[in-house]
N, C-alpha and C. Protein backbone atom coordinates (compact mmCIF):
# COMPACT_ATOMS: atom_id res chain seq x y z
N MET A 1 -7.06 13.07 7.19
CA MET A 1 -6.90 11.75 6.81
C MET A 1 -6.66 10.94 7.98
N THR A 2 -7.47 9.71 8.22
CA THR A 2 -7.30 8.81 9.21
C THR A 2 -6.01 8.18 9.08
N SER A 3 -5.57 7.65 10.35
CA SER A 3 -4.31 6.72 10.23
C SER A 3 -4.47 5.44 9.34
N MET A 4 -5.64 4.91 9.26
CA MET A 4 -6.04 3.77 8.53
C MET A 4 -5.82 4.30 6.97
N GLU A 5 -6.36 5.42 6.65
CA GLU A 5 -6.26 5.97 5.29
C GLU A 5 -4.79 6.23 4.80
N LEU A 6 -4.09 6.70 5.78
CA LEU A 6 -2.57 6.96 5.59
C LEU A 6 -1.96 5.80 5.23
N VAL A 7 -2.08 4.70 6.19
CA VAL A 7 -1.35 3.36 5.87
C VAL A 7 -1.77 2.82 4.60
N GLY A 8 -3.15 2.78 4.38
CA GLY A 8 -3.67 2.17 3.11
C GLY A 8 -3.15 2.84 1.87
N LEU A 9 -3.26 4.26 1.70
CA LEU A 9 -2.69 4.97 0.56
C LEU A 9 -1.19 4.71 0.43
N ASN A 10 -0.52 4.85 1.48
CA ASN A 10 0.98 4.51 1.37
C ASN A 10 1.39 3.16 1.16
N THR A 11 0.50 2.14 1.51
CA THR A 11 0.83 0.78 1.13
C THR A 11 0.62 0.84 -0.50
N LYS A 12 -0.51 1.38 -1.05
CA LYS A 12 -0.72 1.55 -2.36
C LYS A 12 0.40 2.11 -3.27
N TRP A 13 0.98 3.21 -2.69
CA TRP A 13 2.03 3.97 -3.33
C TRP A 13 3.24 3.04 -3.34
N TYR A 14 3.67 2.48 -2.13
CA TYR A 14 4.80 1.74 -2.26
C TYR A 14 4.56 0.32 -3.17
N ARG A 15 3.45 -0.18 -3.08
CA ARG A 15 3.27 -1.19 -4.18
C ARG A 15 3.46 -0.97 -5.48
N TYR A 16 2.81 0.40 -5.90
CA TYR A 16 3.05 0.92 -7.38
C TYR A 16 4.44 1.16 -7.47
N GLN A 17 5.16 1.65 -6.69
CA GLN A 17 6.63 2.02 -6.88
C GLN A 17 7.40 0.80 -7.27
N ASN A 18 6.90 -0.40 -6.68
CA ASN A 18 7.68 -1.73 -6.81
C ASN A 18 6.97 -2.43 -7.96
N GLY A 19 6.00 -1.71 -8.67
CA GLY A 19 5.43 -2.40 -9.89
C GLY A 19 4.64 -3.69 -9.77
N LEU A 20 4.24 -3.84 -8.53
CA LEU A 20 3.36 -5.04 -8.03
C LEU A 20 1.89 -4.77 -8.10
N THR A 21 1.20 -5.84 -8.66
CA THR A 21 -0.25 -5.85 -8.56
C THR A 21 -0.51 -6.27 -7.26
N GLN A 22 -1.98 -6.28 -6.98
CA GLN A 22 -2.56 -6.90 -5.67
C GLN A 22 -2.24 -8.36 -5.57
N GLU A 23 -2.31 -8.85 -6.77
CA GLU A 23 -2.12 -10.35 -6.61
C GLU A 23 -0.61 -10.62 -6.34
N ASP A 24 0.20 -9.81 -6.97
CA ASP A 24 1.85 -9.95 -6.75
C ASP A 24 2.04 -9.81 -5.25
N TYR A 25 1.51 -8.65 -4.68
CA TYR A 25 1.82 -8.52 -3.37
C TYR A 25 1.22 -9.24 -2.27
N ALA A 26 0.08 -9.76 -2.73
CA ALA A 26 -0.54 -10.87 -1.80
C ALA A 26 0.42 -11.97 -1.70
N ASN A 27 0.89 -12.53 -2.89
CA ASN A 27 1.87 -13.51 -2.93
C ASN A 27 3.15 -13.37 -1.93
N LYS A 28 3.51 -12.17 -2.12
CA LYS A 28 4.76 -11.64 -1.49
C LYS A 28 4.69 -11.61 0.11
N THR A 29 3.24 -11.08 0.47
CA THR A 29 3.23 -11.01 2.01
C THR A 29 2.21 -12.09 2.65
N LYS A 30 1.71 -13.02 1.74
CA LYS A 30 0.56 -14.07 2.13
C LYS A 30 -0.67 -13.35 2.71
N PHE A 31 -0.76 -12.13 2.42
CA PHE A 31 -2.21 -11.61 2.72
C PHE A 31 -3.01 -11.96 1.74
N LYS A 32 -4.27 -12.12 1.88
CA LYS A 32 -5.31 -12.37 0.82
C LYS A 32 -5.50 -11.02 0.12
N MET A 33 -5.67 -11.22 -1.15
CA MET A 33 -6.08 -10.08 -2.10
C MET A 33 -7.13 -9.23 -1.44
N ALA A 34 -8.20 -9.79 -1.07
CA ALA A 34 -9.30 -8.93 -0.46
C ALA A 34 -8.83 -8.11 0.67
N TYR A 35 -7.91 -8.65 1.50
CA TYR A 35 -7.38 -7.79 2.66
C TYR A 35 -6.52 -6.68 2.16
N ILE A 36 -5.72 -7.08 1.23
CA ILE A 36 -4.93 -5.85 0.56
C ILE A 36 -5.94 -4.75 0.04
N SER A 37 -6.93 -5.03 -0.41
CA SER A 37 -7.88 -4.16 -0.95
C SER A 37 -8.55 -3.40 0.20
N LEU A 38 -8.78 -4.11 1.32
CA LEU A 38 -9.24 -3.36 2.42
C LEU A 38 -8.24 -2.47 3.02
N ILE A 39 -7.09 -2.90 2.96
CA ILE A 39 -5.88 -2.09 3.48
C ILE A 39 -5.82 -0.67 2.83
N GLU A 40 -5.73 -0.78 1.35
CA GLU A 40 -5.53 0.19 0.43
C GLU A 40 -6.70 1.24 0.44
N THR A 41 -7.88 0.79 0.73
CA THR A 41 -8.95 1.70 0.91
C THR A 41 -9.13 2.38 2.29
N GLY A 42 -8.23 1.81 3.19
CA GLY A 42 -8.44 2.54 4.48
C GLY A 42 -9.38 1.80 5.39
N ASP A 43 -9.89 0.77 5.07
CA ASP A 43 -10.98 0.09 5.69
C ASP A 43 -10.52 -1.15 6.66
N ALA A 44 -9.18 -1.37 6.54
CA ALA A 44 -8.54 -2.35 7.64
C ALA A 44 -7.99 -1.86 8.70
N ASN A 45 -8.50 -2.18 9.95
CA ASN A 45 -7.79 -1.64 11.20
C ASN A 45 -6.75 -2.75 11.32
N LEU A 46 -5.46 -2.26 11.19
CA LEU A 46 -4.35 -3.04 11.10
C LEU A 46 -3.63 -3.13 12.56
N THR A 47 -3.08 -4.25 12.76
CA THR A 47 -2.46 -4.44 13.99
C THR A 47 -0.92 -3.82 13.85
N CYS A 48 -0.18 -3.67 14.87
CA CYS A 48 1.23 -3.16 14.74
C CYS A 48 1.93 -4.19 13.95
N LYS A 49 1.52 -5.44 14.30
CA LYS A 49 2.39 -6.58 13.44
C LYS A 49 2.27 -6.57 12.13
N ASN A 50 1.14 -6.01 11.50
CA ASN A 50 0.75 -6.11 10.14
C ASN A 50 1.42 -4.79 9.60
N ILE A 51 1.50 -3.82 10.29
CA ILE A 51 2.12 -2.53 9.84
C ILE A 51 3.64 -2.86 9.71
N ASP A 52 4.06 -3.54 10.67
CA ASP A 52 5.54 -3.84 10.62
C ASP A 52 5.86 -4.84 9.34
N LEU A 53 4.89 -5.83 9.13
CA LEU A 53 5.16 -6.61 7.96
C LEU A 53 4.99 -5.93 6.77
N ILE A 54 4.01 -4.98 6.55
CA ILE A 54 3.93 -4.31 5.31
C ILE A 54 5.31 -3.37 5.01
N ALA A 55 5.75 -2.73 6.23
CA ALA A 55 7.08 -1.96 6.14
C ALA A 55 8.15 -2.83 5.71
N THR A 56 8.31 -3.88 6.39
CA THR A 56 9.42 -4.76 5.88
C THR A 56 9.37 -5.24 4.50
N SER A 57 8.21 -5.48 4.09
CA SER A 57 8.03 -5.98 2.76
C SER A 57 8.50 -5.02 1.69
N PHE A 58 8.41 -3.71 2.10
CA PHE A 58 8.85 -2.75 1.10
C PHE A 58 10.19 -2.17 1.43
N ARG A 59 10.80 -2.75 2.56
CA ARG A 59 12.18 -2.30 3.05
C ARG A 59 12.29 -0.77 3.47
N ILE A 60 11.02 -0.48 4.07
CA ILE A 60 10.83 0.97 4.59
C ILE A 60 10.90 0.94 6.06
N HIS A 61 10.98 2.14 6.71
CA HIS A 61 10.59 2.26 8.16
C HIS A 61 8.97 2.34 8.36
N PRO A 62 8.68 1.72 9.48
CA PRO A 62 7.08 1.74 9.61
C PRO A 62 6.52 3.16 9.55
N SER A 63 7.24 4.10 10.01
CA SER A 63 6.78 5.55 9.96
C SER A 63 6.46 6.04 8.68
N GLN A 64 7.09 5.56 7.69
CA GLN A 64 6.92 5.96 6.28
C GLN A 64 5.40 5.65 5.70
N LEU A 65 4.95 4.64 6.44
CA LEU A 65 3.40 4.27 6.00
C LEU A 65 2.50 5.51 6.45
N PHE A 66 2.87 6.33 7.28
CA PHE A 66 2.10 7.40 7.93
C PHE A 66 2.51 8.77 7.22
N ASN A 67 3.11 8.73 6.00
CA ASN A 67 3.45 9.99 5.43
C ASN A 67 2.39 10.55 4.53
N GLU A 68 1.85 11.73 4.91
CA GLU A 68 0.74 12.49 4.33
C GLU A 68 1.13 12.85 2.85
N VAL A 69 2.39 13.12 2.66
CA VAL A 69 2.86 13.68 1.18
C VAL A 69 2.67 12.54 0.34
N THR A 70 3.10 11.19 0.51
CA THR A 70 3.01 10.04 -0.41
C THR A 70 1.61 9.66 -0.50
N ALA A 71 0.87 9.94 0.63
CA ALA A 71 -0.54 9.33 0.69
C ALA A 71 -1.32 10.19 -0.31
N LEU A 72 -1.09 11.43 -0.52
CA LEU A 72 -1.65 12.40 -1.40
C LEU A 72 -1.36 11.97 -2.74
N LYS A 73 -0.20 11.61 -2.94
CA LYS A 73 0.27 11.29 -4.28
C LYS A 73 -0.49 10.06 -4.87
N ALA A 74 -0.60 8.99 -3.72
CA ALA A 74 -1.39 7.85 -4.15
C ALA A 74 -2.70 7.90 -4.44
N LYS A 75 -3.36 9.04 -4.11
CA LYS A 75 -4.64 9.28 -4.50
C LYS A 75 -4.86 9.45 -6.01
N ASN A 76 -3.78 9.97 -6.71
CA ASN A 76 -3.86 10.18 -8.04
C ASN A 76 -3.29 8.99 -9.02
N LEU A 77 -3.07 7.85 -8.39
CA LEU A 77 -2.49 6.83 -8.99
C LEU A 77 -3.71 6.33 -9.90
N PRO A 78 -3.36 5.71 -10.98
CA PRO A 78 -4.54 4.93 -11.67
C PRO A 78 -5.00 3.78 -10.98
N LYS A 79 -6.12 3.19 -11.44
CA LYS A 79 -6.70 2.10 -10.91
C LYS A 79 -5.85 0.73 -10.98
N ARG A 80 -5.16 0.73 -11.94
CA ARG A 80 -4.28 -0.52 -12.04
C ARG A 80 -2.85 -0.26 -12.31
N VAL A 81 -2.10 -1.22 -11.63
CA VAL A 81 -0.50 -1.00 -11.78
C VAL A 81 0.03 -1.04 -13.11
N ASP A 82 -0.54 -1.73 -14.15
CA ASP A 82 -0.01 -1.78 -15.51
C ASP A 82 -0.17 -0.51 -16.30
N MET A 83 -1.26 0.33 -15.65
CA MET A 83 -1.43 1.56 -16.33
C MET A 83 -0.39 2.55 -15.97
N TYR A 84 -0.12 2.39 -14.55
CA TYR A 84 0.98 3.24 -14.08
C TYR A 84 2.38 2.93 -14.74
N LYS A 85 2.66 1.84 -15.04
CA LYS A 85 3.94 1.43 -15.78
C LYS A 85 3.98 2.15 -17.22
N LYS A 86 3.02 2.20 -17.73
CA LYS A 86 2.94 2.99 -19.14
C LYS A 86 3.34 4.43 -19.01
N GLN A 87 2.76 5.11 -17.90
CA GLN A 87 3.10 6.40 -17.59
C GLN A 87 4.64 6.82 -17.47
N LEU A 88 5.34 5.87 -16.98
CA LEU A 88 6.71 6.27 -16.62
C LEU A 88 7.67 6.22 -17.71
């Protein structure tokens, strides 16, 4: 898995853990929804500044965005956060 994929999947993982849709997360971070989609699919080549911003928004250490265990869990998340909430 590439670094971009790891960060993307972990961003998705933490967004779901916080019960946020991409729209909610866009409002929180001031990123555009399209950019969040690119991040989560591993297609965004993020700057260190944006990695720090993502980590800060979730109140985690930036290194947690490179965790392969949670990235693999994120692959199994449903397409929509509201579907995830129903599973809990």
